[in-house]
N, C-alpha and C. Protein backbone atom coordinates (compact mmCIF):
# COMPACT_ATOMS: atom_id res chain seq x y z
N MET A 1 1.89 22.10 5.56
CA MET A 1 3.27 21.97 5.98
C MET A 1 4.16 22.26 4.79
N THR A 2 5.07 23.15 4.95
CA THR A 2 6.01 23.45 3.87
C THR A 2 7.23 22.56 4.02
N GLY A 3 7.89 22.32 2.90
CA GLY A 3 9.10 21.51 2.94
C GLY A 3 8.85 20.02 2.86
N GLY A 4 7.64 19.61 2.61
CA GLY A 4 7.34 18.19 2.47
C GLY A 4 6.68 17.61 3.70
N TYR A 5 6.58 16.32 3.68
CA TYR A 5 5.90 15.59 4.75
C TYR A 5 6.89 14.73 5.51
N SER A 6 6.55 14.40 6.74
CA SER A 6 7.44 13.60 7.58
C SER A 6 7.57 12.18 7.04
N LYS A 7 8.65 11.52 7.42
CA LYS A 7 8.85 10.12 7.03
C LYS A 7 7.77 9.24 7.63
N THR A 8 7.31 9.59 8.82
CA THR A 8 6.25 8.82 9.46
C THR A 8 4.97 8.87 8.63
N LYS A 9 4.61 10.06 8.18
CA LYS A 9 3.39 10.22 7.38
C LYS A 9 3.52 9.51 6.04
N THR A 10 4.64 9.69 5.36
CA THR A 10 4.79 9.06 4.05
C THR A 10 4.83 7.53 4.18
N SER A 11 5.45 7.02 5.21
CA SER A 11 5.48 5.57 5.43
C SER A 11 4.07 5.04 5.69
N TYR A 12 3.33 5.75 6.52
CA TYR A 12 1.95 5.36 6.83
C TYR A 12 1.08 5.39 5.57
N TYR A 13 1.16 6.47 4.83
CA TYR A 13 0.37 6.59 3.60
C TYR A 13 0.80 5.56 2.56
N ARG A 14 2.07 5.24 2.49
CA ARG A 14 2.55 4.23 1.54
C ARG A 14 1.90 2.89 1.85
N ARG A 15 1.83 2.55 3.14
CA ARG A 15 1.19 1.30 3.54
C ARG A 15 -0.30 1.30 3.18
N LEU A 16 -0.96 2.41 3.49
CA LEU A 16 -2.38 2.50 3.16
C LEU A 16 -2.61 2.37 1.67
N TYR A 17 -1.79 3.05 0.88
CA TYR A 17 -1.92 3.04 -0.57
C TYR A 17 -1.72 1.64 -1.14
N VAL A 18 -0.69 0.94 -0.67
CA VAL A 18 -0.43 -0.41 -1.16
C VAL A 18 -1.59 -1.34 -0.79
N ALA A 19 -2.09 -1.24 0.43
CA ALA A 19 -3.23 -2.07 0.82
C ALA A 19 -4.45 -1.75 -0.04
N TYR A 20 -4.67 -0.48 -0.30
CA TYR A 20 -5.79 -0.07 -1.14
C TYR A 20 -5.65 -0.63 -2.56
N LEU A 21 -4.45 -0.55 -3.10
CA LEU A 21 -4.21 -1.09 -4.44
C LEU A 21 -4.49 -2.59 -4.48
N ILE A 22 -4.00 -3.31 -3.49
CA ILE A 22 -4.23 -4.75 -3.43
C ILE A 22 -5.73 -5.04 -3.40
N ASP A 23 -6.44 -4.31 -2.55
CA ASP A 23 -7.88 -4.53 -2.39
C ASP A 23 -8.65 -4.13 -3.65
N SER A 24 -8.06 -3.27 -4.46
CA SER A 24 -8.72 -2.79 -5.68
C SER A 24 -8.34 -3.61 -6.92
N GLY A 25 -7.54 -4.66 -6.74
CA GLY A 25 -7.22 -5.53 -7.86
C GLY A 25 -5.81 -5.43 -8.41
N THR A 26 -5.06 -4.44 -7.98
CA THR A 26 -3.63 -4.36 -8.35
C THR A 26 -2.92 -5.16 -7.27
N ASN A 27 -2.88 -6.48 -7.46
CA ASN A 27 -2.54 -7.36 -6.34
C ASN A 27 -1.41 -8.34 -6.59
N THR A 28 -0.55 -8.03 -7.55
CA THR A 28 0.66 -8.83 -7.76
C THR A 28 1.87 -7.93 -7.61
N VAL A 29 3.00 -8.51 -7.32
CA VAL A 29 4.22 -7.72 -7.16
C VAL A 29 4.53 -6.93 -8.44
N PRO A 30 4.52 -7.56 -9.63
CA PRO A 30 4.81 -6.77 -10.83
C PRO A 30 3.83 -5.60 -11.03
N ALA A 31 2.55 -5.84 -10.78
CA ALA A 31 1.56 -4.77 -10.95
C ALA A 31 1.78 -3.65 -9.93
N LEU A 32 2.06 -4.02 -8.69
CA LEU A 32 2.32 -3.01 -7.66
C LEU A 32 3.58 -2.21 -7.96
N LEU A 33 4.62 -2.90 -8.43
CA LEU A 33 5.85 -2.20 -8.80
C LEU A 33 5.60 -1.23 -9.94
N ASN A 34 4.80 -1.63 -10.89
CA ASN A 34 4.48 -0.79 -12.04
C ASN A 34 3.71 0.46 -11.63
N VAL A 35 2.70 0.30 -10.80
CA VAL A 35 1.85 1.43 -10.41
C VAL A 35 2.59 2.38 -9.47
N THR A 36 3.31 1.83 -8.52
CA THR A 36 3.94 2.67 -7.49
C THR A 36 5.34 3.14 -7.87
N GLU A 37 5.98 2.43 -8.79
CA GLU A 37 7.36 2.70 -9.17
C GLU A 37 8.33 2.61 -7.99
N MET A 38 7.95 1.81 -6.99
CA MET A 38 8.82 1.57 -5.84
C MET A 38 9.94 0.62 -6.24
N HIS A 39 10.99 0.62 -5.46
CA HIS A 39 12.01 -0.42 -5.58
C HIS A 39 11.40 -1.70 -5.02
N ARG A 40 11.82 -2.82 -5.55
CA ARG A 40 11.28 -4.11 -5.10
C ARG A 40 11.42 -4.28 -3.59
N ARG A 41 12.58 -3.93 -3.06
CA ARG A 41 12.82 -4.09 -1.61
C ARG A 41 11.88 -3.21 -0.80
N THR A 42 11.63 -1.99 -1.26
CA THR A 42 10.71 -1.09 -0.55
C THR A 42 9.31 -1.69 -0.54
N LEU A 43 8.89 -2.25 -1.67
CA LEU A 43 7.57 -2.88 -1.73
C LEU A 43 7.51 -4.08 -0.80
N GLN A 44 8.54 -4.91 -0.80
CA GLN A 44 8.56 -6.08 0.09
C GLN A 44 8.46 -5.64 1.55
N ASP A 45 9.21 -4.62 1.92
CA ASP A 45 9.17 -4.10 3.30
C ASP A 45 7.79 -3.54 3.63
N THR A 46 7.18 -2.87 2.66
CA THR A 46 5.85 -2.29 2.87
C THR A 46 4.82 -3.39 3.06
N LEU A 47 4.89 -4.44 2.26
CA LEU A 47 3.95 -5.56 2.41
C LEU A 47 4.08 -6.20 3.79
N LYS A 48 5.31 -6.38 4.25
CA LYS A 48 5.53 -6.96 5.57
C LYS A 48 5.03 -6.04 6.68
N ALA A 49 5.15 -4.74 6.48
CA ALA A 49 4.79 -3.76 7.51
C ALA A 49 3.28 -3.54 7.63
N LEU A 50 2.50 -4.04 6.69
CA LEU A 50 1.05 -3.87 6.79
C LEU A 50 0.50 -4.48 8.08
N ALA A 51 1.09 -5.57 8.53
CA ALA A 51 0.63 -6.21 9.77
C ALA A 51 0.79 -5.29 10.98
N ASP A 52 1.76 -4.36 10.92
CA ASP A 52 1.93 -3.41 12.02
C ASP A 52 0.71 -2.50 12.19
N LEU A 53 -0.05 -2.34 11.11
CA LEU A 53 -1.28 -1.54 11.15
C LEU A 53 -2.52 -2.43 11.31
N ASP A 54 -2.30 -3.71 11.57
CA ASP A 54 -3.37 -4.71 11.65
C ASP A 54 -4.11 -4.89 10.33
N ILE A 55 -3.45 -4.55 9.22
CA ILE A 55 -3.97 -4.87 7.90
C ILE A 55 -3.40 -6.25 7.55
N ILE A 56 -4.30 -7.20 7.42
CA ILE A 56 -3.88 -8.58 7.19
C ILE A 56 -4.05 -8.90 5.70
N ILE A 57 -2.95 -9.29 5.08
CA ILE A 57 -3.01 -9.70 3.68
C ILE A 57 -2.69 -11.18 3.59
N GLU A 58 -3.24 -11.78 2.55
CA GLU A 58 -3.03 -13.20 2.30
C GLU A 58 -2.39 -13.35 0.93
N SER A 59 -1.38 -14.19 0.87
CA SER A 59 -0.72 -14.48 -0.40
C SER A 59 -1.38 -15.70 -1.02
N ARG A 60 -1.66 -15.60 -2.31
CA ARG A 60 -2.27 -16.71 -3.04
C ARG A 60 -1.36 -17.11 -4.18
N GLY A 61 -1.23 -18.40 -4.40
CA GLY A 61 -0.41 -18.87 -5.50
C GLY A 61 1.03 -19.06 -5.07
N GLY A 62 1.85 -19.47 -6.02
CA GLY A 62 3.26 -19.72 -5.76
C GLY A 62 4.05 -18.43 -5.66
N THR A 63 5.33 -18.55 -5.41
CA THR A 63 6.17 -17.37 -5.24
C THR A 63 6.30 -16.56 -6.52
N LYS A 64 6.29 -17.23 -7.68
CA LYS A 64 6.43 -16.50 -8.94
C LYS A 64 5.12 -15.89 -9.41
N ASN A 65 4.01 -16.53 -9.10
CA ASN A 65 2.71 -16.06 -9.56
C ASN A 65 1.82 -15.59 -8.42
N ALA A 66 2.43 -15.17 -7.33
CA ALA A 66 1.65 -14.81 -6.14
C ALA A 66 0.80 -13.57 -6.39
N SER A 67 -0.38 -13.63 -5.82
CA SER A 67 -1.22 -12.44 -5.75
C SER A 67 -1.60 -12.28 -4.29
N TYR A 68 -2.06 -11.09 -3.95
CA TYR A 68 -2.39 -10.79 -2.56
C TYR A 68 -3.84 -10.38 -2.46
N ALA A 69 -4.39 -10.59 -1.27
CA ALA A 69 -5.75 -10.15 -0.97
C ALA A 69 -5.76 -9.59 0.45
N VAL A 70 -6.51 -8.53 0.67
CA VAL A 70 -6.66 -7.99 2.02
C VAL A 70 -7.74 -8.82 2.72
N LYS A 71 -7.36 -9.44 3.81
CA LYS A 71 -8.30 -10.25 4.59
C LYS A 71 -8.96 -9.43 5.69
N SER A 72 -8.24 -8.42 6.20
CA SER A 72 -8.80 -7.57 7.25
C SER A 72 -8.12 -6.21 7.21
N TRP A 73 -8.93 -5.17 7.34
CA TRP A 73 -8.41 -3.80 7.41
C TRP A 73 -8.13 -3.38 8.85
N GLY A 74 -8.43 -4.22 9.81
CA GLY A 74 -8.22 -3.85 11.20
C GLY A 74 -9.00 -2.58 11.52
N ALA A 75 -8.34 -1.60 12.12
CA ALA A 75 -8.99 -0.35 12.50
C ALA A 75 -8.97 0.70 11.39
N ILE A 76 -8.42 0.37 10.24
CA ILE A 76 -8.30 1.32 9.13
C ILE A 76 -9.61 1.38 8.35
N ASP A 77 -10.02 2.58 8.01
CA ASP A 77 -11.24 2.80 7.23
C ASP A 77 -10.88 2.87 5.75
N ARG A 78 -11.15 1.80 5.03
CA ARG A 78 -10.83 1.73 3.60
C ARG A 78 -11.49 2.87 2.83
N ASP A 79 -12.70 3.23 3.22
CA ASP A 79 -13.41 4.31 2.53
C ASP A 79 -12.70 5.65 2.68
N TRP A 80 -12.02 5.86 3.81
CA TRP A 80 -11.26 7.11 3.98
C TRP A 80 -10.17 7.18 2.91
N ILE A 81 -9.49 6.06 2.70
CA ILE A 81 -8.43 6.03 1.69
C ILE A 81 -9.02 6.32 0.31
N LYS A 82 -10.12 5.64 0.00
CA LYS A 82 -10.78 5.85 -1.29
C LYS A 82 -11.17 7.31 -1.48
N ASN A 83 -11.73 7.91 -0.44
CA ASN A 83 -12.21 9.30 -0.52
C ASN A 83 -11.09 10.33 -0.49
N ASN A 84 -9.92 9.93 -0.04
CA ASN A 84 -8.77 10.85 0.07
C ASN A 84 -7.60 10.38 -0.78
N LEU A 85 -7.89 9.57 -1.79
CA LEU A 85 -6.83 8.97 -2.59
C LEU A 85 -5.94 10.01 -3.26
N GLN A 86 -6.51 11.07 -3.76
CA GLN A 86 -5.69 12.09 -4.42
C GLN A 86 -4.71 12.73 -3.44
N HIS A 87 -5.16 13.01 -2.22
CA HIS A 87 -4.26 13.58 -1.21
C HIS A 87 -3.15 12.59 -0.86
N VAL A 88 -3.50 11.32 -0.69
CA VAL A 88 -2.50 10.30 -0.39
C VAL A 88 -1.44 10.26 -1.50
N LYS A 89 -1.88 10.31 -2.74
CA LYS A 89 -0.95 10.29 -3.87
C LYS A 89 -0.08 11.54 -3.91
N VAL A 90 -0.62 12.68 -3.53
CA VAL A 90 0.18 13.93 -3.48
C VAL A 90 1.26 13.80 -2.42
N VAL A 91 0.89 13.32 -1.24
CA VAL A 91 1.87 13.14 -0.17
C VAL A 91 2.99 12.21 -0.61
N LEU A 92 2.63 11.16 -1.35
CA LEU A 92 3.62 10.19 -1.82
C LEU A 92 4.31 10.61 -3.12
N LYS A 93 3.92 11.76 -3.63
CA LYS A 93 4.46 12.31 -4.88
C LYS A 93 4.14 11.40 -6.07
N TYR A 94 2.94 10.81 -6.03
CA TYR A 94 2.44 10.00 -7.14
C TYR A 94 1.41 10.77 -7.95
N GLY A 95 1.05 11.95 -7.50
CA GLY A 95 -0.05 12.63 -8.14
C GLY A 95 0.34 13.91 -8.74
């Protein structure tokens, strides 16, 4: 596709990428902000939207020291994300 990717695709991939990062150990807000360079509000919205894909995350610790863990990937294949990580990053302009 020339001219970039749709908002639907980038939003979907952003959610997958954030869930993958959490599951891979980049699981705090400061760490996620550092890796993704997202605005804090965008990251907060993305974390909330994971449930729309049936990706269930759990918050651990207090609000200042919270970390996250993926409790369920739902119908999402984590290995697909791992195997296509470079493409996901290109779509999100992280690569």
